[in-house]
Amino acid sequence: PTAPAGRPTRPFAISAGVGGVLHRQHQEHKQRQETLGGAFTDMNALMAKAKEMVTLAEHLAGSVANRRQSKTTDPGDASSPSDASDAETTEMDAMMLSMGIASPVTRETE
């Protein structure tokens, strides 16, 4: 293709001189913005999953505490937790430890 003055058109004008430098800076800025946008999207997804994990840890801690409370308040009762229930409690403790939750205490934020 040719330009109006009979000169061939080239992409050279886009990458040369001050206009080329400005174009490259604009492209780099655009790329950084896209990268940051993706990072914040990933961060929000991670925070959502963390909230789910906190809820799960609180639920498990509540279950373990209820079982221990039942066992200590009425140790001789026939309806107290059985050996299988004790094994489940021990297994829950082991699972929470394997997830890095030694003591399932969470901090409330406002």
N, C-alpha and C. Protein backbone atom coordinates (compact mmCIF):
# COMPACT_ATOMS: atom_id res chain seq x y z
N PRO A 1 0.83 -1.19 0.00
CA PRO A 1 0.00 0.00 0.00
C PRO A 1 0.87 1.25 0.00
N THR A 2 0.32 2.31 -0.52
CA THR A 2 1.08 3.55 -0.58
C THR A 2 0.33 4.65 0.15
N ALA A 3 1.11 5.62 0.64
CA ALA A 3 0.54 6.77 1.34
C ALA A 3 0.09 7.78 0.30
N PRO A 4 -0.68 8.83 0.67
CA PRO A 4 -1.20 9.81 -0.28
C PRO A 4 -0.11 10.47 -1.12
N ALA A 5 1.07 10.69 -0.61
CA ALA A 5 2.13 11.35 -1.36
C ALA A 5 2.93 10.35 -2.18
N GLY A 6 2.46 9.15 -2.30
CA GLY A 6 3.15 8.14 -3.08
C GLY A 6 4.21 7.40 -2.30
N ARG A 7 4.37 7.71 -1.01
CA ARG A 7 5.36 7.03 -0.19
C ARG A 7 4.76 5.75 0.38
N PRO A 8 5.53 4.69 0.46
CA PRO A 8 5.02 3.45 1.07
C PRO A 8 4.76 3.65 2.56
N THR A 9 3.68 3.04 3.05
CA THR A 9 3.39 3.12 4.49
C THR A 9 4.17 2.04 5.21
N ARG A 10 4.69 2.37 6.37
CA ARG A 10 5.48 1.43 7.17
C ARG A 10 5.12 1.58 8.64
N PRO A 11 5.28 0.52 9.39
CA PRO A 11 5.07 0.62 10.83
C PRO A 11 6.19 1.38 11.52
N PHE A 12 7.19 1.79 10.78
CA PHE A 12 8.34 2.49 11.32
C PHE A 12 7.93 3.73 12.10
N ALA A 13 6.95 4.46 11.62
CA ALA A 13 6.53 5.70 12.26
C ALA A 13 6.00 5.47 13.67
N ILE A 14 5.43 4.31 13.95
CA ILE A 14 4.89 4.01 15.27
C ILE A 14 6.01 3.77 16.29
N SER A 15 7.12 3.18 15.86
CA SER A 15 8.17 2.81 16.79
C SER A 15 9.35 3.77 16.80
N ALA A 16 9.30 4.83 16.02
CA ALA A 16 10.44 5.74 15.95
C ALA A 16 10.18 7.02 16.72
N GLY A 17 11.25 7.63 17.18
CA GLY A 17 11.20 8.95 17.79
C GLY A 17 10.44 8.99 19.11
N VAL A 18 10.04 10.22 19.45
CA VAL A 18 9.33 10.46 20.70
C VAL A 18 8.00 9.73 20.71
N GLY A 19 7.31 9.71 19.57
CA GLY A 19 6.04 8.99 19.47
C GLY A 19 6.20 7.52 19.77
N GLY A 20 7.30 6.93 19.30
CA GLY A 20 7.57 5.52 19.56
C GLY A 20 7.82 5.26 21.03
N VAL A 21 8.58 6.14 21.66
CA VAL A 21 8.87 6.00 23.09
C VAL A 21 7.57 6.10 23.89
N LEU A 22 6.75 7.09 23.56
CA LEU A 22 5.46 7.25 24.25
C LEU A 22 4.56 6.05 24.03
N HIS A 23 4.56 5.52 22.83
CA HIS A 23 3.75 4.34 22.52
C HIS A 23 4.19 3.15 23.37
N ARG A 24 5.53 2.92 23.44
CA ARG A 24 6.05 1.81 24.24
C ARG A 24 5.71 2.00 25.73
N GLN A 25 5.84 3.22 26.24
CA GLN A 25 5.50 3.47 27.64
C GLN A 25 4.02 3.20 27.90
N HIS A 26 3.19 3.61 26.96
CA HIS A 26 1.75 3.36 27.09
C HIS A 26 1.47 1.86 27.11
N GLN A 27 2.12 1.12 26.23
CA GLN A 27 1.92 -0.34 26.18
C GLN A 27 2.40 -1.00 27.47
N GLU A 28 3.55 -0.55 28.00
CA GLU A 28 4.07 -1.12 29.24
C GLU A 28 3.13 -0.80 30.41
N HIS A 29 2.62 0.42 30.44
CA HIS A 29 1.68 0.82 31.49
C HIS A 29 0.40 -0.03 31.42
N LYS A 30 -0.08 -0.24 30.22
CA LYS A 30 -1.28 -1.05 30.02
C LYS A 30 -1.05 -2.48 30.52
N GLN A 31 0.13 -3.03 30.21
CA GLN A 31 0.46 -4.39 30.65
C GLN A 31 0.55 -4.47 32.17
N ARG A 32 1.17 -3.46 32.80
CA ARG A 32 1.26 -3.46 34.27
C ARG A 32 -0.13 -3.39 34.90
N GLN A 33 -1.00 -2.58 34.32
CA GLN A 33 -2.36 -2.46 34.85
C GLN A 33 -3.10 -3.79 34.75
N GLU A 34 -2.95 -4.50 33.65
CA GLU A 34 -3.60 -5.80 33.48
C GLU A 34 -3.05 -6.80 34.49
N THR A 35 -1.74 -6.77 34.71
CA THR A 35 -1.11 -7.68 35.67
C THR A 35 -1.60 -7.40 37.08
N LEU A 36 -1.66 -6.12 37.45
CA LEU A 36 -2.16 -5.76 38.78
C LEU A 36 -3.62 -6.15 38.95
N GLY A 37 -4.41 -5.95 37.91
CA GLY A 37 -5.83 -6.34 37.98
C GLY A 37 -5.98 -7.83 38.23
N GLY A 38 -5.17 -8.62 37.52
CA GLY A 38 -5.20 -10.07 37.73
C GLY A 38 -4.75 -10.46 39.13
N ALA A 39 -3.74 -9.76 39.63
CA ALA A 39 -3.24 -10.05 40.98
C ALA A 39 -4.30 -9.76 42.03
N PHE A 40 -5.01 -8.65 41.89
CA PHE A 40 -6.05 -8.33 42.87
C PHE A 40 -7.24 -9.28 42.75
N THR A 41 -7.54 -9.74 41.56
CA THR A 41 -8.60 -10.74 41.40
C THR A 41 -8.20 -12.02 42.13
N ASP A 42 -6.94 -12.45 41.95
CA ASP A 42 -6.46 -13.64 42.65
C ASP A 42 -6.48 -13.43 44.16
N MET A 43 -6.12 -12.23 44.61
CA MET A 43 -6.10 -11.93 46.04
C MET A 43 -7.51 -12.01 46.62
N ASN A 44 -8.49 -11.49 45.90
CA ASN A 44 -9.87 -11.55 46.38
C ASN A 44 -10.37 -12.99 46.47
N ALA A 45 -10.00 -13.80 45.48
CA ALA A 45 -10.40 -15.21 45.51
C ALA A 45 -9.74 -15.92 46.70
N LEU A 46 -8.48 -15.61 46.95
CA LEU A 46 -7.78 -16.21 48.08
C LEU A 46 -8.42 -15.81 49.40
N MET A 47 -8.81 -14.56 49.53
CA MET A 47 -9.46 -14.09 50.75
C MET A 47 -10.81 -14.78 50.95
N ALA A 48 -11.54 -14.99 49.87
CA ALA A 48 -12.82 -15.69 49.98
C ALA A 48 -12.61 -17.12 50.46
N LYS A 49 -11.60 -17.80 49.92
CA LYS A 49 -11.30 -19.17 50.36
C LYS A 49 -10.84 -19.19 51.81
N ALA A 50 -10.09 -18.17 52.22
CA ALA A 50 -9.63 -18.11 53.61
C ALA A 50 -10.82 -17.98 54.56
N LYS A 51 -11.81 -17.19 54.17
CA LYS A 51 -13.01 -17.06 55.00
C LYS A 51 -13.73 -18.40 55.12
N GLU A 52 -13.78 -19.15 54.03
CA GLU A 52 -14.40 -20.49 54.07
C GLU A 52 -13.63 -21.40 55.02
N MET A 53 -12.30 -21.33 54.98
CA MET A 53 -11.48 -22.17 55.85
C MET A 53 -11.66 -21.79 57.31
N VAL A 54 -11.79 -20.50 57.60
CA VAL A 54 -12.02 -20.05 58.98
C VAL A 54 -13.36 -20.59 59.47
N THR A 55 -14.37 -20.52 58.63
CA THR A 55 -15.69 -21.04 59.01
C THR A 55 -15.62 -22.53 59.28
N LEU A 56 -14.92 -23.26 58.42
CA LEU A 56 -14.76 -24.70 58.61
C LEU A 56 -14.00 -25.00 59.90
N ALA A 57 -12.94 -24.27 60.16
CA ALA A 57 -12.16 -24.49 61.38
C ALA A 57 -13.00 -24.20 62.62
N GLU A 58 -13.80 -23.13 62.56
CA GLU A 58 -14.67 -22.82 63.70
C GLU A 58 -15.70 -23.92 63.92
N HIS A 59 -16.24 -24.44 62.82
CA HIS A 59 -17.22 -25.53 62.93
C HIS A 59 -16.58 -26.78 63.55
N LEU A 60 -15.40 -27.13 63.06
CA LEU A 60 -14.71 -28.31 63.61
C LEU A 60 -14.35 -28.10 65.07
N ALA A 61 -13.89 -26.90 65.40
CA ALA A 61 -13.53 -26.62 66.79
C ALA A 61 -14.77 -26.71 67.68
N GLY A 62 -15.88 -26.22 67.19
CA GLY A 62 -17.13 -26.31 67.95
C GLY A 62 -17.55 -27.74 68.17
N SER A 63 -17.41 -28.56 67.13
CA SER A 63 -17.76 -29.99 67.27
C SER A 63 -16.89 -30.67 68.29
N VAL A 64 -15.60 -30.42 68.22
CA VAL A 64 -14.66 -31.03 69.17
C VAL A 64 -14.96 -30.55 70.58
N ALA A 65 -15.20 -29.26 70.73
CA ALA A 65 -15.48 -28.71 72.07
C ALA A 65 -16.78 -29.30 72.63
N ASN A 66 -17.80 -29.44 71.79
CA ASN A 66 -19.07 -30.03 72.25
C ASN A 66 -18.88 -31.47 72.69
N ARG A 67 -18.09 -32.22 71.94
CA ARG A 67 -17.86 -33.62 72.31
C ARG A 67 -17.10 -33.71 73.63
N ARG A 68 -16.09 -32.84 73.77
CA ARG A 68 -15.32 -32.86 75.02
C ARG A 68 -16.19 -32.42 76.19
N GLN A 69 -17.02 -31.41 75.94
CA GLN A 69 -17.93 -30.91 76.99
C GLN A 69 -18.89 -32.02 77.42
N SER A 70 -19.44 -32.74 76.47
CA SER A 70 -20.36 -33.84 76.78
C SER A 70 -19.66 -34.92 77.58
N LYS A 71 -18.43 -35.19 77.22
CA LYS A 71 -17.68 -36.25 77.89
C LYS A 71 -17.33 -35.86 79.33
N THR A 72 -17.00 -34.59 79.56
CA THR A 72 -16.58 -34.18 80.90
C THR A 72 -17.76 -33.91 81.82
N THR A 73 -18.91 -33.51 81.28
CA THR A 73 -20.05 -33.22 82.15
C THR A 73 -20.77 -34.47 82.61
N ASP A 74 -20.75 -35.52 81.81
CA ASP A 74 -21.48 -36.73 82.16
C ASP A 74 -20.69 -37.98 81.79
N PRO A 75 -19.52 -38.19 82.41
CA PRO A 75 -18.68 -39.31 81.97
C PRO A 75 -19.28 -40.68 82.20
N GLY A 76 -20.18 -40.87 83.15
CA GLY A 76 -20.74 -42.18 83.42
C GLY A 76 -22.04 -42.44 82.72
N ASP A 77 -22.58 -41.46 82.02
CA ASP A 77 -23.87 -41.60 81.34
C ASP A 77 -23.74 -42.56 80.16
N ALA A 78 -24.77 -43.32 79.91
CA ALA A 78 -24.76 -44.28 78.81
C ALA A 78 -24.79 -43.58 77.46
N SER A 79 -25.29 -42.36 77.44
CA SER A 79 -25.36 -41.65 76.16
C SER A 79 -24.12 -40.81 75.90
N SER A 80 -23.09 -40.93 76.74
CA SER A 80 -21.86 -40.17 76.54
C SER A 80 -21.12 -40.73 75.32
N PRO A 81 -20.18 -39.99 74.79
CA PRO A 81 -19.48 -40.43 73.58
C PRO A 81 -18.81 -41.78 73.76
N SER A 82 -18.90 -42.59 72.75
CA SER A 82 -18.31 -43.93 72.79
C SER A 82 -16.84 -43.86 72.39
N ASP A 83 -16.22 -45.03 72.37
CA ASP A 83 -14.83 -45.10 71.92
C ASP A 83 -14.70 -44.64 70.48
N ALA A 84 -15.71 -44.97 69.66
CA ALA A 84 -15.69 -44.53 68.25
C ALA A 84 -15.75 -43.01 68.17
N SER A 85 -16.55 -42.41 69.04
CA SER A 85 -16.65 -40.95 69.07
C SER A 85 -15.33 -40.33 69.52
N ASP A 86 -14.67 -40.96 70.49
CA ASP A 86 -13.36 -40.49 70.93
C ASP A 86 -12.36 -40.57 69.78
N ALA A 87 -12.44 -41.64 69.01
CA ALA A 87 -11.54 -41.80 67.87
C ALA A 87 -11.80 -40.72 66.83
N GLU A 88 -13.09 -40.37 66.62
CA GLU A 88 -13.42 -39.31 65.67
C GLU A 88 -12.87 -37.96 66.14
N THR A 89 -12.98 -37.70 67.43
CA THR A 89 -12.46 -36.46 67.99
C THR A 89 -10.95 -36.39 67.82
N THR A 90 -10.28 -37.49 68.09
CA THR A 90 -8.83 -37.55 67.91
C THR A 90 -8.46 -37.36 66.44
N GLU A 91 -9.25 -37.96 65.56
CA GLU A 91 -9.00 -37.80 64.12
C GLU A 91 -9.21 -36.35 63.69
N MET A 92 -10.25 -35.70 64.21
CA MET A 92 -10.47 -34.28 63.89
C MET A 92 -9.31 -33.43 64.36
N ASP A 93 -8.83 -33.70 65.56
CA ASP A 93 -7.67 -32.97 66.07
C ASP A 93 -6.47 -33.16 65.15
N ALA A 94 -6.24 -34.39 64.71
CA ALA A 94 -5.12 -34.68 63.82
C ALA A 94 -5.28 -33.97 62.48
N MET A 95 -6.51 -33.95 61.95
CA MET A 95 -6.75 -33.27 60.67
C MET A 95 -6.50 -31.77 60.80
N MET A 96 -6.96 -31.18 61.89
CA MET A 96 -6.75 -29.75 62.08
C MET A 96 -5.27 -29.44 62.25
N LEU A 97 -4.54 -30.31 62.94
CA LEU A 97 -3.10 -30.12 63.07
C LEU A 97 -2.41 -30.23 61.72
N SER A 98 -2.85 -31.16 60.88
CA SER A 98 -2.24 -31.32 59.56
C SER A 98 -2.51 -30.12 58.66
N MET A 99 -3.60 -29.37 58.93
CA MET A 99 -3.89 -28.16 58.18
C MET A 99 -3.21 -26.94 58.80
N GLY A 100 -2.47 -27.17 59.89
CA GLY A 100 -1.78 -26.06 60.52
C GLY A 100 -2.61 -25.33 61.55
N ILE A 101 -3.69 -25.96 62.01
CA ILE A 101 -4.57 -25.34 62.99
C ILE A 101 -4.34 -26.06 64.32
N ALA A 102 -3.34 -25.61 65.07
CA ALA A 102 -3.04 -26.25 66.34
C ALA A 102 -4.11 -25.92 67.37
N SER A 103 -4.53 -24.68 67.39
CA SER A 103 -5.59 -24.24 68.28
C SER A 103 -6.54 -23.41 67.43
N PRO A 104 -7.72 -23.91 67.13
CA PRO A 104 -8.62 -23.23 66.20
C PRO A 104 -9.26 -21.98 66.77
N VAL A 105 -8.42 -21.02 67.13
CA VAL A 105 -8.90 -19.74 67.61
C VAL A 105 -8.72 -18.75 66.48
N THR A 106 -9.76 -17.97 66.19
CA THR A 106 -9.67 -17.00 65.10
C THR A 106 -9.86 -15.60 65.65
N ARG A 107 -9.37 -14.64 64.88
CA ARG A 107 -9.50 -13.24 65.26
C ARG A 107 -10.67 -12.63 64.51
N GLU A 108 -11.54 -11.98 65.23
CA GLU A 108 -12.68 -11.32 64.60
C GLU A 108 -12.23 -9.93 64.17
N THR A 109 -12.60 -9.53 62.94
CA THR A 109 -12.28 -8.20 62.45
C THR A 109 -13.57 -7.45 62.23
N GLU A 110 -13.51 -6.15 62.41
CA GLU A 110 -14.71 -5.34 62.21
C GLU A 110 -14.53 -4.45 61.03
